[in-house]
Every structure is written in C-alpha cells, then in structure tokens.
N, C-alpha and C. Protein backbone atom coordinates (compact mmCIF):
# COMPACT_ATOMS: atom_id res chain seq x y z
N MET A 1 -25.13 1.21 -5.85
CA MET A 1 -25.06 -0.19 -6.29
C MET A 1 -23.62 -0.61 -6.56
N TYR A 2 -22.86 0.26 -7.25
CA TYR A 2 -21.48 -0.09 -7.56
C TYR A 2 -20.65 -0.24 -6.29
N ARG A 3 -20.74 0.73 -5.38
CA ARG A 3 -19.90 0.73 -4.19
C ARG A 3 -20.17 -0.47 -3.30
N ASN A 4 -21.43 -0.84 -3.15
CA ASN A 4 -21.81 -1.86 -2.17
C ASN A 4 -21.89 -3.28 -2.73
N PHE A 5 -22.03 -3.41 -4.06
CA PHE A 5 -22.17 -4.76 -4.63
C PHE A 5 -21.14 -5.06 -5.70
N PHE A 6 -21.15 -4.28 -6.78
CA PHE A 6 -20.28 -4.60 -7.92
C PHE A 6 -18.80 -4.42 -7.60
N LYS A 7 -18.45 -3.36 -6.87
CA LYS A 7 -17.03 -3.13 -6.55
C LYS A 7 -16.46 -4.28 -5.72
N PRO A 8 -17.10 -4.73 -4.61
CA PRO A 8 -16.56 -5.89 -3.88
C PRO A 8 -16.48 -7.15 -4.72
N LEU A 9 -17.46 -7.34 -5.62
CA LEU A 9 -17.44 -8.51 -6.49
C LEU A 9 -16.28 -8.45 -7.46
N PHE A 10 -16.09 -7.30 -8.10
CA PHE A 10 -14.97 -7.12 -9.02
C PHE A 10 -13.63 -7.28 -8.29
N ASP A 11 -13.57 -6.78 -7.06
CA ASP A 11 -12.34 -6.88 -6.27
C ASP A 11 -11.92 -8.34 -6.11
N ILE A 12 -12.85 -9.17 -5.68
CA ILE A 12 -12.54 -10.57 -5.39
C ILE A 12 -12.16 -11.32 -6.67
N ILE A 13 -12.95 -11.13 -7.73
CA ILE A 13 -12.67 -11.83 -8.99
C ILE A 13 -11.30 -11.42 -9.54
N THR A 14 -11.03 -10.12 -9.55
CA THR A 14 -9.76 -9.62 -10.08
C THR A 14 -8.59 -10.07 -9.23
N ALA A 15 -8.75 -10.05 -7.90
CA ALA A 15 -7.67 -10.47 -7.00
C ALA A 15 -7.29 -11.92 -7.22
N VAL A 16 -8.28 -12.78 -7.38
CA VAL A 16 -8.02 -14.21 -7.61
C VAL A 16 -7.29 -14.41 -8.94
N ILE A 17 -7.75 -13.73 -9.99
CA ILE A 17 -7.12 -13.86 -11.31
C ILE A 17 -5.67 -13.39 -11.28
N VAL A 18 -5.43 -12.22 -10.67
CA VAL A 18 -4.07 -11.67 -10.61
C VAL A 18 -3.16 -12.58 -9.81
N LEU A 19 -3.65 -13.12 -8.69
CA LEU A 19 -2.83 -14.02 -7.88
C LEU A 19 -2.42 -15.26 -8.68
N ILE A 20 -3.34 -15.79 -9.47
CA ILE A 20 -3.03 -16.96 -10.29
C ILE A 20 -1.96 -16.62 -11.34
N VAL A 21 -2.12 -15.46 -11.98
CA VAL A 21 -1.20 -15.06 -13.05
C VAL A 21 0.21 -14.79 -12.52
N VAL A 22 0.31 -14.10 -11.38
CA VAL A 22 1.63 -13.70 -10.88
C VAL A 22 2.23 -14.70 -9.89
N SER A 23 1.53 -15.80 -9.63
CA SER A 23 2.01 -16.75 -8.61
C SER A 23 3.43 -17.26 -8.85
N PRO A 24 3.85 -17.54 -10.10
CA PRO A 24 5.25 -18.00 -10.28
C PRO A 24 6.26 -16.92 -9.86
N ILE A 25 6.01 -15.66 -10.22
CA ILE A 25 6.91 -14.56 -9.85
C ILE A 25 6.86 -14.35 -8.35
N LEU A 26 5.66 -14.42 -7.78
CA LEU A 26 5.51 -14.23 -6.34
C LEU A 26 6.28 -15.30 -5.58
N LEU A 27 6.22 -16.53 -6.06
CA LEU A 27 6.93 -17.64 -5.40
C LEU A 27 8.44 -17.40 -5.41
N LEU A 28 8.97 -16.95 -6.55
CA LEU A 28 10.40 -16.67 -6.64
C LEU A 28 10.79 -15.55 -5.68
N ALA A 29 9.95 -14.53 -5.59
CA ALA A 29 10.22 -13.41 -4.69
C ALA A 29 10.22 -13.88 -3.24
N ILE A 30 9.27 -14.74 -2.90
CA ILE A 30 9.19 -15.26 -1.53
C ILE A 30 10.43 -16.07 -1.19
N ILE A 31 10.90 -16.89 -2.13
CA ILE A 31 12.11 -17.70 -1.90
C ILE A 31 13.32 -16.79 -1.68
N GLY A 32 13.45 -15.78 -2.54
CA GLY A 32 14.58 -14.85 -2.41
C GLY A 32 14.56 -14.10 -1.10
N LEU A 33 13.38 -13.62 -0.69
CA LEU A 33 13.28 -12.87 0.55
C LEU A 33 13.46 -13.78 1.77
N THR A 34 13.05 -15.02 1.66
CA THR A 34 13.26 -15.97 2.76
C THR A 34 14.75 -16.14 3.03
N ILE A 35 15.54 -16.13 1.96
CA ILE A 35 16.99 -16.28 2.10
C ILE A 35 17.62 -15.04 2.73
N VAL A 36 17.33 -13.86 2.15
CA VAL A 36 17.99 -12.63 2.63
C VAL A 36 17.45 -12.16 3.98
N ASN A 37 16.21 -12.52 4.31
CA ASN A 37 15.62 -12.09 5.58
C ASN A 37 15.66 -13.20 6.63
N LEU A 38 16.44 -14.23 6.35
CA LEU A 38 16.65 -15.33 7.31
C LEU A 38 15.33 -15.98 7.72
N GLY A 39 14.50 -16.29 6.72
CA GLY A 39 13.29 -17.06 6.98
C GLY A 39 12.01 -16.28 7.14
N THR A 40 12.05 -14.96 6.98
CA THR A 40 10.82 -14.16 7.15
C THR A 40 10.54 -13.32 5.90
N PRO A 41 9.85 -13.90 4.90
CA PRO A 41 9.60 -13.18 3.65
C PRO A 41 8.42 -12.20 3.71
N PHE A 42 7.60 -12.32 4.76
CA PHE A 42 6.40 -11.49 4.83
C PHE A 42 6.50 -10.44 5.93
N PHE A 43 5.86 -9.32 5.67
CA PHE A 43 5.76 -8.22 6.62
C PHE A 43 4.29 -8.07 6.98
N VAL A 44 3.97 -8.25 8.25
CA VAL A 44 2.58 -8.15 8.71
C VAL A 44 2.48 -7.01 9.71
N GLN A 45 1.51 -6.14 9.50
CA GLN A 45 1.39 -4.97 10.37
C GLN A 45 -0.08 -4.57 10.54
N ARG A 46 -0.42 -4.06 11.70
CA ARG A 46 -1.77 -3.59 11.97
C ARG A 46 -2.00 -2.26 11.26
N ARG A 47 -3.11 -2.15 10.57
CA ARG A 47 -3.48 -0.93 9.88
C ARG A 47 -4.98 -0.65 10.07
N PRO A 48 -5.39 0.62 10.07
CA PRO A 48 -6.81 0.93 10.16
C PRO A 48 -7.48 0.83 8.79
N GLY A 49 -8.64 0.19 8.76
CA GLY A 49 -9.40 0.05 7.53
C GLY A 49 -10.62 0.95 7.52
N LYS A 50 -11.69 0.50 6.90
CA LYS A 50 -12.92 1.28 6.83
C LYS A 50 -13.43 1.56 8.24
N ASN A 51 -13.82 2.81 8.45
CA ASN A 51 -14.30 3.29 9.76
C ASN A 51 -13.25 3.15 10.86
N GLY A 52 -11.97 3.05 10.46
CA GLY A 52 -10.89 2.98 11.43
C GLY A 52 -10.71 1.62 12.06
N ARG A 53 -11.43 0.61 11.58
CA ARG A 53 -11.33 -0.73 12.16
C ARG A 53 -9.96 -1.33 11.83
N ILE A 54 -9.28 -1.84 12.84
CA ILE A 54 -7.92 -2.34 12.67
C ILE A 54 -7.92 -3.75 12.06
N PHE A 55 -7.04 -3.97 11.09
CA PHE A 55 -6.84 -5.29 10.52
C PHE A 55 -5.34 -5.47 10.28
N LYS A 56 -4.94 -6.66 9.88
CA LYS A 56 -3.53 -6.94 9.62
C LYS A 56 -3.27 -6.97 8.12
N ILE A 57 -2.36 -6.12 7.69
CA ILE A 57 -1.99 -6.05 6.28
C ILE A 57 -0.79 -6.96 6.04
N VAL A 58 -0.73 -7.57 4.86
CA VAL A 58 0.36 -8.48 4.52
C VAL A 58 1.09 -7.94 3.29
N LYS A 59 2.41 -7.82 3.40
CA LYS A 59 3.25 -7.38 2.28
C LYS A 59 4.50 -8.26 2.24
N LEU A 60 5.23 -8.19 1.14
CA LEU A 60 6.55 -8.84 1.10
C LEU A 60 7.53 -7.97 1.88
N LYS A 61 8.39 -8.61 2.63
CA LYS A 61 9.31 -7.89 3.50
C LYS A 61 10.56 -7.48 2.74
N THR A 62 10.66 -6.19 2.43
CA THR A 62 11.77 -5.70 1.62
C THR A 62 12.93 -5.16 2.44
N MET A 63 12.75 -5.06 3.77
CA MET A 63 13.81 -4.54 4.64
C MET A 63 14.13 -5.55 5.74
N THR A 64 15.37 -5.57 6.17
CA THR A 64 15.78 -6.45 7.26
C THR A 64 15.39 -5.82 8.61
N ASP A 65 15.65 -6.53 9.70
CA ASP A 65 15.38 -6.02 11.04
C ASP A 65 16.66 -5.56 11.72
N ALA A 66 17.62 -5.08 10.94
CA ALA A 66 18.92 -4.68 11.49
C ALA A 66 18.78 -3.52 12.47
N HIS A 67 19.49 -3.63 13.61
CA HIS A 67 19.48 -2.60 14.65
C HIS A 67 20.88 -2.03 14.86
N ASP A 68 20.94 -0.84 15.46
CA ASP A 68 22.25 -0.28 15.82
C ASP A 68 22.67 -0.84 17.19
N GLN A 69 23.77 -0.39 17.72
CA GLN A 69 24.31 -0.91 18.98
C GLN A 69 23.41 -0.58 20.17
N GLN A 70 22.55 0.43 20.03
CA GLN A 70 21.63 0.80 21.10
C GLN A 70 20.30 0.06 20.99
N GLY A 71 20.18 -0.80 19.97
CA GLY A 71 18.96 -1.57 19.81
C GLY A 71 17.89 -0.89 19.00
N ASN A 72 18.22 0.24 18.37
CA ASN A 72 17.25 0.96 17.54
C ASN A 72 17.32 0.48 16.10
N LEU A 73 16.16 0.41 15.44
CA LEU A 73 16.16 0.03 14.03
C LEU A 73 16.97 1.01 13.22
N LEU A 74 17.77 0.50 12.29
CA LEU A 74 18.52 1.36 11.39
C LEU A 74 17.56 2.08 10.44
N PRO A 75 17.98 3.18 9.84
CA PRO A 75 17.13 3.88 8.87
C PRO A 75 16.69 2.96 7.73
N ASP A 76 15.55 3.27 7.14
CA ASP A 76 15.01 2.43 6.06
C ASP A 76 16.03 2.17 4.97
N ALA A 77 16.76 3.22 4.57
CA ALA A 77 17.72 3.07 3.47
C ALA A 77 18.80 2.05 3.78
N ASP A 78 19.15 1.92 5.07
CA ASP A 78 20.20 0.97 5.47
C ASP A 78 19.66 -0.45 5.58
N ARG A 79 18.36 -0.61 5.74
CA ARG A 79 17.76 -1.94 5.92
C ARG A 79 17.17 -2.50 4.64
N LEU A 80 17.05 -1.65 3.62
CA LEU A 80 16.47 -2.09 2.34
C LEU A 80 17.47 -2.97 1.60
N THR A 81 17.09 -4.23 1.36
CA THR A 81 17.99 -5.17 0.70
C THR A 81 17.99 -4.95 -0.81
N THR A 82 18.98 -5.54 -1.47
CA THR A 82 19.06 -5.39 -2.93
C THR A 82 17.84 -5.99 -3.60
N ILE A 83 17.47 -7.21 -3.22
CA ILE A 83 16.29 -7.83 -3.80
C ILE A 83 15.03 -7.08 -3.37
N GLY A 84 15.05 -6.54 -2.15
CA GLY A 84 13.92 -5.75 -1.68
C GLY A 84 13.74 -4.49 -2.49
N ARG A 85 14.83 -3.88 -2.91
CA ARG A 85 14.76 -2.67 -3.73
C ARG A 85 14.11 -2.97 -5.08
N VAL A 86 14.48 -4.11 -5.66
CA VAL A 86 13.89 -4.51 -6.95
C VAL A 86 12.40 -4.80 -6.78
N ILE A 87 12.07 -5.52 -5.71
CA ILE A 87 10.67 -5.88 -5.47
C ILE A 87 9.82 -4.64 -5.22
N ARG A 88 10.38 -3.70 -4.47
CA ARG A 88 9.63 -2.46 -4.20
C ARG A 88 9.49 -1.63 -5.47
N LYS A 89 10.54 -1.59 -6.28
CA LYS A 89 10.50 -0.81 -7.52
C LYS A 89 9.43 -1.32 -8.46
N THR A 90 9.21 -2.63 -8.47
CA THR A 90 8.19 -3.23 -9.34
C THR A 90 6.84 -3.39 -8.64
N SER A 91 6.78 -2.93 -7.37
CA SER A 91 5.55 -3.01 -6.56
C SER A 91 5.10 -4.44 -6.27
N LEU A 92 6.00 -5.40 -6.42
CA LEU A 92 5.67 -6.79 -6.10
C LEU A 92 5.39 -6.96 -4.60
N ASP A 93 5.95 -6.06 -3.78
CA ASP A 93 5.73 -6.18 -2.34
C ASP A 93 4.26 -5.99 -1.96
N GLU A 94 3.47 -5.38 -2.86
CA GLU A 94 2.06 -5.13 -2.57
C GLU A 94 1.17 -6.34 -2.91
N ILE A 95 1.69 -7.29 -3.68
CA ILE A 95 0.86 -8.39 -4.18
C ILE A 95 0.16 -9.20 -3.08
N PRO A 96 0.83 -9.52 -1.95
CA PRO A 96 0.13 -10.30 -0.92
C PRO A 96 -1.13 -9.62 -0.38
N GLN A 97 -1.26 -8.31 -0.59
CA GLN A 97 -2.46 -7.62 -0.14
C GLN A 97 -3.71 -8.07 -0.90
N LEU A 98 -3.49 -8.78 -2.00
CA LEU A 98 -4.64 -9.35 -2.71
C LEU A 98 -5.39 -10.32 -1.82
N PHE A 99 -4.68 -10.96 -0.87
CA PHE A 99 -5.37 -11.83 0.09
C PHE A 99 -6.25 -10.99 1.02
N ASN A 100 -5.79 -9.77 1.37
CA ASN A 100 -6.62 -8.87 2.15
C ASN A 100 -7.88 -8.47 1.39
N VAL A 101 -7.73 -8.32 0.06
CA VAL A 101 -8.88 -7.98 -0.78
C VAL A 101 -9.88 -9.13 -0.79
N ILE A 102 -9.38 -10.36 -0.94
CA ILE A 102 -10.26 -11.53 -0.98
C ILE A 102 -10.98 -11.70 0.37
N ILE A 103 -10.27 -11.47 1.47
CA ILE A 103 -10.87 -11.56 2.79
C ILE A 103 -11.97 -10.51 2.97
N GLY A 104 -11.73 -9.33 2.38
CA GLY A 104 -12.74 -8.29 2.45
C GLY A 104 -12.40 -7.07 3.28
N ASN A 105 -11.16 -7.00 3.82
CA ASN A 105 -10.82 -5.81 4.58
C ASN A 105 -10.06 -4.76 3.77
N MET A 106 -9.84 -5.07 2.48
CA MET A 106 -9.26 -4.09 1.57
C MET A 106 -9.96 -4.17 0.22
N SER A 107 -9.73 -3.14 -0.59
CA SER A 107 -10.22 -3.09 -1.96
C SER A 107 -9.03 -2.95 -2.89
N LEU A 108 -9.22 -3.19 -4.17
CA LEU A 108 -8.14 -2.94 -5.12
C LEU A 108 -7.81 -1.46 -5.18
N VAL A 109 -8.84 -0.62 -5.12
CA VAL A 109 -8.67 0.83 -5.23
C VAL A 109 -9.29 1.51 -4.02
N GLY A 110 -8.53 2.39 -3.42
CA GLY A 110 -9.00 3.15 -2.27
C GLY A 110 -7.82 3.84 -1.61
N PRO A 111 -8.06 4.67 -0.61
CA PRO A 111 -6.95 5.30 0.12
C PRO A 111 -6.04 4.24 0.73
N ARG A 112 -4.74 4.46 0.68
CA ARG A 112 -3.80 3.49 1.24
C ARG A 112 -3.97 3.38 2.75
N PRO A 113 -3.93 2.15 3.30
CA PRO A 113 -4.01 1.99 4.76
C PRO A 113 -2.70 2.41 5.40
N LEU A 114 -2.76 3.34 6.33
CA LEU A 114 -1.56 3.87 6.96
C LEU A 114 -1.43 3.33 8.39
N LEU A 115 -0.68 4.01 9.23
CA LEU A 115 -0.43 3.50 10.58
C LEU A 115 -1.55 3.88 11.55
N PRO A 116 -1.86 3.01 12.51
CA PRO A 116 -2.89 3.34 13.50
C PRO A 116 -2.57 4.62 14.27
N SER A 117 -1.29 4.91 14.47
CA SER A 117 -0.89 6.10 15.23
C SER A 117 -1.28 7.39 14.52
N TYR A 118 -1.55 7.32 13.21
CA TYR A 118 -1.94 8.51 12.47
C TYR A 118 -3.39 8.91 12.74
N LEU A 119 -4.20 7.97 13.24
CA LEU A 119 -5.63 8.24 13.41
C LEU A 119 -5.88 9.48 14.25
N LYS A 120 -5.13 9.65 15.31
CA LYS A 120 -5.34 10.79 16.20
C LYS A 120 -4.75 12.09 15.65
N LEU A 121 -4.01 12.00 14.55
CA LEU A 121 -3.36 13.18 13.97
C LEU A 121 -4.18 13.81 12.84
N TYR A 122 -5.16 13.06 12.31
CA TYR A 122 -5.94 13.57 11.20
C TYR A 122 -6.85 14.72 11.63
N SER A 123 -7.07 15.66 10.73
CA SER A 123 -8.14 16.63 10.92
C SER A 123 -9.45 15.92 10.61
N PRO A 124 -10.60 16.46 11.02
CA PRO A 124 -11.88 15.81 10.70
C PRO A 124 -12.05 15.54 9.20
N GLU A 125 -11.58 16.46 8.36
CA GLU A 125 -11.70 16.26 6.92
C GLU A 125 -10.78 15.14 6.44
N GLN A 126 -9.55 15.12 6.94
CA GLN A 126 -8.61 14.07 6.55
C GLN A 126 -9.09 12.69 6.99
N ALA A 127 -9.77 12.63 8.14
CA ALA A 127 -10.26 11.35 8.67
C ALA A 127 -11.33 10.74 7.79
N ARG A 128 -11.91 11.50 6.88
CA ARG A 128 -12.94 10.99 5.98
C ARG A 128 -12.39 9.95 5.01
N ARG A 129 -11.08 9.86 4.90
CA ARG A 129 -10.46 8.85 4.03
C ARG A 129 -10.82 7.45 4.50
N HIS A 130 -11.28 7.33 5.75
CA HIS A 130 -11.66 6.02 6.29
C HIS A 130 -13.14 5.70 6.10
N GLU A 131 -13.83 6.49 5.29
CA GLU A 131 -15.23 6.20 5.00
C GLU A 131 -15.40 5.07 3.99
N VAL A 132 -14.30 4.69 3.34
CA VAL A 132 -14.31 3.58 2.38
C VAL A 132 -13.21 2.60 2.74
N LYS A 133 -13.24 1.41 2.16
CA LYS A 133 -12.16 0.44 2.38
C LYS A 133 -10.85 1.00 1.84
N PRO A 134 -9.73 0.71 2.51
CA PRO A 134 -8.43 1.09 1.96
C PRO A 134 -8.12 0.25 0.73
N GLY A 135 -7.21 0.75 -0.10
CA GLY A 135 -6.90 0.05 -1.34
C GLY A 135 -5.43 -0.26 -1.52
N ILE A 136 -5.15 -1.17 -2.44
CA ILE A 136 -3.77 -1.47 -2.82
C ILE A 136 -3.19 -0.29 -3.59
N THR A 137 -4.02 0.35 -4.39
CA THR A 137 -3.64 1.58 -5.08
C THR A 137 -4.77 2.57 -4.91
N GLY A 138 -4.50 3.82 -5.21
CA GLY A 138 -5.52 4.84 -5.02
C GLY A 138 -5.26 6.08 -5.83
N TRP A 139 -6.16 7.05 -5.69
CA TRP A 139 -6.07 8.30 -6.44
C TRP A 139 -4.79 9.06 -6.08
N ALA A 140 -4.41 9.03 -4.81
CA ALA A 140 -3.17 9.71 -4.40
C ALA A 140 -1.95 9.01 -4.98
N GLN A 141 -2.01 7.68 -5.11
CA GLN A 141 -0.86 6.92 -5.62
C GLN A 141 -0.58 7.22 -7.09
N VAL A 142 -1.61 7.52 -7.86
CA VAL A 142 -1.39 7.80 -9.29
C VAL A 142 -1.26 9.30 -9.54
N ASN A 143 -1.27 10.08 -8.47
CA ASN A 143 -1.10 11.53 -8.60
C ASN A 143 0.04 12.03 -7.73
N GLY A 144 1.10 11.22 -7.65
CA GLY A 144 2.29 11.66 -6.94
C GLY A 144 2.85 10.68 -5.94
N ARG A 145 1.98 9.86 -5.33
CA ARG A 145 2.40 8.84 -4.37
C ARG A 145 3.34 9.44 -3.33
N ASN A 146 4.58 8.95 -3.23
CA ASN A 146 5.50 9.41 -2.20
C ASN A 146 6.21 10.72 -2.55
N SER A 147 5.94 11.29 -3.71
CA SER A 147 6.61 12.54 -4.09
C SER A 147 5.80 13.77 -3.71
N ILE A 148 4.60 13.60 -3.13
CA ILE A 148 3.77 14.73 -2.74
C ILE A 148 3.64 14.76 -1.22
N SER A 149 3.14 15.88 -0.69
CA SER A 149 3.02 16.03 0.76
C SER A 149 1.89 15.17 1.31
N TRP A 150 1.94 14.92 2.62
CA TRP A 150 0.87 14.18 3.27
C TRP A 150 -0.46 14.90 3.10
N GLU A 151 -0.45 16.21 3.24
CA GLU A 151 -1.69 16.98 3.12
C GLU A 151 -2.32 16.81 1.74
N LYS A 152 -1.48 16.80 0.71
CA LYS A 152 -1.98 16.62 -0.65
C LYS A 152 -2.52 15.20 -0.83
N LYS A 153 -1.84 14.21 -0.27
CA LYS A 153 -2.32 12.84 -0.35
C LYS A 153 -3.72 12.72 0.26
N PHE A 154 -3.89 13.29 1.46
CA PHE A 154 -5.18 13.18 2.14
C PHE A 154 -6.27 13.93 1.39
N GLU A 155 -5.90 15.06 0.78
CA GLU A 155 -6.86 15.80 -0.04
C GLU A 155 -7.33 14.94 -1.21
N LEU A 156 -6.41 14.25 -1.84
CA LEU A 156 -6.75 13.37 -2.97
C LEU A 156 -7.57 12.16 -2.49
N ASP A 157 -7.24 11.64 -1.31
CA ASP A 157 -7.99 10.51 -0.75
C ASP A 157 -9.45 10.89 -0.52
N VAL A 158 -9.68 12.05 0.07
CA VAL A 158 -11.05 12.49 0.36
C VAL A 158 -11.80 12.79 -0.94
N TRP A 159 -11.08 13.32 -1.92
CA TRP A 159 -11.71 13.56 -3.22
C TRP A 159 -12.20 12.23 -3.81
N TYR A 160 -11.39 11.19 -3.65
CA TYR A 160 -11.78 9.88 -4.15
C TYR A 160 -13.03 9.37 -3.43
N VAL A 161 -13.08 9.55 -2.13
CA VAL A 161 -14.25 9.12 -1.35
C VAL A 161 -15.52 9.73 -1.92
N ASP A 162 -15.45 10.98 -2.32
CA ASP A 162 -16.63 11.70 -2.81
C ASP A 162 -16.95 11.42 -4.28
N HIS A 163 -15.99 10.87 -5.02
CA HIS A 163 -16.19 10.69 -6.47
C HIS A 163 -16.02 9.24 -6.93
N GLN A 164 -16.05 8.32 -6.01
CA GLN A 164 -15.83 6.90 -6.33
C GLN A 164 -16.82 6.40 -7.38
N SER A 165 -16.29 5.72 -8.41
CA SER A 165 -17.12 5.16 -9.47
C SER A 165 -16.33 4.09 -10.21
N PHE A 166 -17.02 3.31 -11.02
CA PHE A 166 -16.34 2.27 -11.80
C PHE A 166 -15.32 2.87 -12.76
N LEU A 167 -15.71 3.93 -13.46
CA LEU A 167 -14.81 4.55 -14.44
C LEU A 167 -13.58 5.13 -13.75
N LEU A 168 -13.76 5.74 -12.59
CA LEU A 168 -12.61 6.28 -11.87
C LEU A 168 -11.69 5.16 -11.39
N ASP A 169 -12.27 4.10 -10.86
CA ASP A 169 -11.45 2.96 -10.41
C ASP A 169 -10.68 2.35 -11.58
N PHE A 170 -11.34 2.22 -12.72
CA PHE A 170 -10.70 1.65 -13.90
C PHE A 170 -9.53 2.54 -14.35
N LYS A 171 -9.75 3.84 -14.32
CA LYS A 171 -8.69 4.80 -14.69
C LYS A 171 -7.51 4.68 -13.73
N ILE A 172 -7.78 4.55 -12.43
CA ILE A 172 -6.71 4.44 -11.44
C ILE A 172 -5.90 3.17 -11.65
N VAL A 173 -6.58 2.06 -11.96
CA VAL A 173 -5.87 0.80 -12.21
C VAL A 173 -4.94 0.94 -13.42
N LEU A 174 -5.44 1.54 -14.50
CA LEU A 174 -4.62 1.72 -15.70
C LEU A 174 -3.41 2.62 -15.41
N LEU A 175 -3.63 3.70 -14.68
CA LEU A 175 -2.53 4.61 -14.34
C LEU A 175 -1.52 3.94 -13.41
N THR A 176 -2.02 3.05 -12.55
CA THR A 176 -1.12 2.32 -11.65
C THR A 176 -0.20 1.40 -12.43
N VAL A 177 -0.77 0.68 -13.40
CA VAL A 177 0.04 -0.21 -14.25
C VAL A 177 1.12 0.61 -14.97
N LYS A 178 0.75 1.77 -15.47
CA LYS A 178 1.72 2.64 -16.16
C LYS A 178 2.84 3.05 -15.21
N LYS A 179 2.49 3.46 -13.99
CA LYS A 179 3.49 3.93 -13.05
C LYS A 179 4.42 2.79 -12.60
N VAL A 180 3.87 1.59 -12.48
CA VAL A 180 4.71 0.44 -12.11
C VAL A 180 5.75 0.19 -13.19
N PHE A 181 5.32 0.23 -14.45
CA PHE A 181 6.25 -0.01 -15.55
C PHE A 181 7.30 1.09 -15.65
N LEU A 182 6.92 2.33 -15.33
CA LEU A 182 7.85 3.46 -15.42
C LEU A 182 8.60 3.70 -14.11
N SER A 183 8.23 2.95 -13.05
CA SER A 183 8.85 3.09 -11.72
C SER A 183 8.81 4.53 -11.23
N GLU A 184 7.64 5.15 -11.34
CA GLU A 184 7.48 6.55 -10.95
C GLU A 184 7.04 6.68 -9.49
N ASP A 185 7.56 7.73 -8.81
CA ASP A 185 7.09 8.15 -7.48
C ASP A 185 7.20 7.05 -6.43
N ILE A 186 8.25 6.23 -6.50
CA ILE A 186 8.42 5.15 -5.53
C ILE A 186 8.80 5.70 -4.16
N ASN A 187 9.70 6.67 -4.14
CA ASN A 187 10.21 7.18 -2.88
C ASN A 187 10.07 8.68 -2.77
N THR A 188 10.13 9.18 -1.52
CA THR A 188 10.27 10.60 -1.28
C THR A 188 11.73 10.96 -1.52
N GLU A 189 11.98 12.11 -2.08
CA GLU A 189 13.35 12.51 -2.39
C GLU A 189 14.22 12.50 -1.14
N GLY A 190 15.34 11.78 -1.21
CA GLY A 190 16.30 11.75 -0.12
C GLY A 190 16.11 10.64 0.89
N VAL A 191 15.02 9.87 0.78
CA VAL A 191 14.79 8.76 1.71
C VAL A 191 14.37 7.53 0.93
N ALA A 192 14.46 6.36 1.58
CA ALA A 192 14.18 5.10 0.88
C ALA A 192 12.70 4.90 0.66
N THR A 193 11.86 5.40 1.54
CA THR A 193 10.42 5.20 1.38
C THR A 193 9.72 6.56 1.45
N THR A 194 9.23 6.94 2.61
CA THR A 194 8.63 8.25 2.78
C THR A 194 8.77 8.66 4.24
N THR A 195 8.64 9.96 4.51
CA THR A 195 8.78 10.45 5.87
C THR A 195 7.48 10.24 6.65
N PRO A 196 7.55 10.09 7.99
CA PRO A 196 6.34 9.87 8.78
C PRO A 196 5.42 11.10 8.77
N PHE A 197 4.13 10.85 8.98
CA PHE A 197 3.16 11.94 9.12
C PHE A 197 3.12 12.35 10.58
N ASN A 198 3.33 13.65 10.84
CA ASN A 198 3.35 14.16 12.21
C ASN A 198 2.23 15.13 12.50
N GLY A 199 1.21 15.11 11.66
CA GLY A 199 0.08 16.01 11.85
C GLY A 199 0.19 17.22 10.96
N THR A 200 -0.92 17.88 10.72
CA THR A 200 -0.95 19.07 9.88
C THR A 200 -0.83 20.31 10.74
N ASN A 201 0.14 21.15 10.39
CA ASN A 201 0.35 22.37 11.17
C ASN A 201 -0.73 23.41 10.89
C-alpha cells in the first residue's frame, strides 16, 4: 500500500511544498547561472528510471561547456563555475528534479538515476536498483554518496529496494538534510564530482 499509493502521494505533495518554499532561492540561482552559462541555467539529460525506462532529468547547470583545442570537453573540475560550486555544495542543483517527481518519473527517495550507458554494465543483482523509481536522494547518498565505491552504492541501492518503507524514507530525508547542511560526501577525493562506472571486475 505504501509503495504504490501513499509514497507517490507524499512525493507530489512534498515536492509542491518544497518548490514553493525554495522558489525565491531557486530563482536567484537560475538568474546567476543564466549569466555565467551564457543563457543556459538548466542541465537536461536522458536517464533510466523504473524498469530502465528512459526519461529526461532536469538539474541546475553547474558546469560550463568549455572545450579544449581538439573539441573535447574539459575535465569537470575545470568547467565547474564558482557559483556552480556553491550550488552543488548546497545541493540546490537537485531542486529542479522536484518537477520530475511531480510528473511521476522520479521519487523523493530512491536509487539515483545514472547514465543509460551503465545499463549494460550492471550485474543482474545491481540491475535490481531499477525495480523502483529513482530518487533525488537515496540510501547510498546518506551512506557515503560520492565517497564510496560504485559497487557499494549499488549494494546499498538494492538493499533499499528490498527494505523500502515510510520510516526508512523518512530517515533518509532527515539524514539528507543533515548532510546538505554539513556539506558531506559531495565529491570523490581528487575529482570535482565522481569517476565514471566502468563495470564490476
């Protein structure tokens, strides 16, 4: 009952309330990013959702599209803007995903939606993370986020799939708020975001 009815209902109600509350801050962030990114404050990308179904995720764009002389994108650390660093540190870049929650292709809590190219790299057990809707935050995010290995993240994601409940979701939300305030586990050591997943050896 919770997974199929109450959780989607709570998701929509909470997403609308949070959007209303943070709208002034979100507007300022959008204006700032529009200036530094030359008119493109949003980052839209295809991601796999429940059962691997592809949808478009919306985030605030914290990095520029700067390329090197060969036309290749510069490393993340070189493209991350000053305002983008602040927005990422406070997790404001995730706020537009509340629209994905309202639409219904994401949940507030669930495994993070990753790249479509990862689908073919998962083991059968790791692929179980797609048995539920992806989330803005999740069990892996409050247990290490970008400071733990991909294998550990997927293990935590699958554990969440098997233990999903209202109390667990509530706990994850509270821990997420704590981590945002403490700016914990934002990046992998030595890089601006995290390293790509290349499959489990």
